[in-house]
């Protein structure tokens, strides 16, 4: 899966999450305002809280729920011998909602990503291992740039505070999008 839809969907979920959590929105906006109009990669790197918001959104609302992997050689998983050729489908959403990895997993908490990197295979919005999405870094950069611009330039109001129904196709998107009213901040 590659292209604009995955990033657009992650931005929709992030805007939804920010506007469901006003304190998170205020903190992210203050961080963006402190950087100003500078959209350079260096300036965007100075937005750790915004990055944590994106990471938490991708944990809480994964864009894809499973990945498919064919075993090239036999392996053991949780005590089970699995022969080569079997297709495994690791469930990203189950990993991201595991309370042993993410305490209180239903809570939206960007703080869990500040100054902490999850171990490999505990955070999988782009898959993992050798088959991790090649566009992951670009997607995260693009998301940070888009969100910083939106937060700096616009006031948004969530028109429906309820969690949108999920449209499950290849990606898990808010069915009908996330409806918001916007106006210029400046």
Foldseek 3Di string as FASTA:
>chain_A
DDDDPLLVQLLLLLVLVCQLPVVLLVVQLVQLVVLPPDLDPVSLVSRLSLLLSSQLSCLQFQFAFWDKDFAQAWDADPNDIDGGGDIDIDGSNCLSQDCVQPPPSNDRDSVVVVPDDGDFPSRQSQHGDPNGNPCVVVSSSVSSSVVSVCSNWKDKHFPDSDQAQWDDDRTTGRVVTGDIDMDTPD
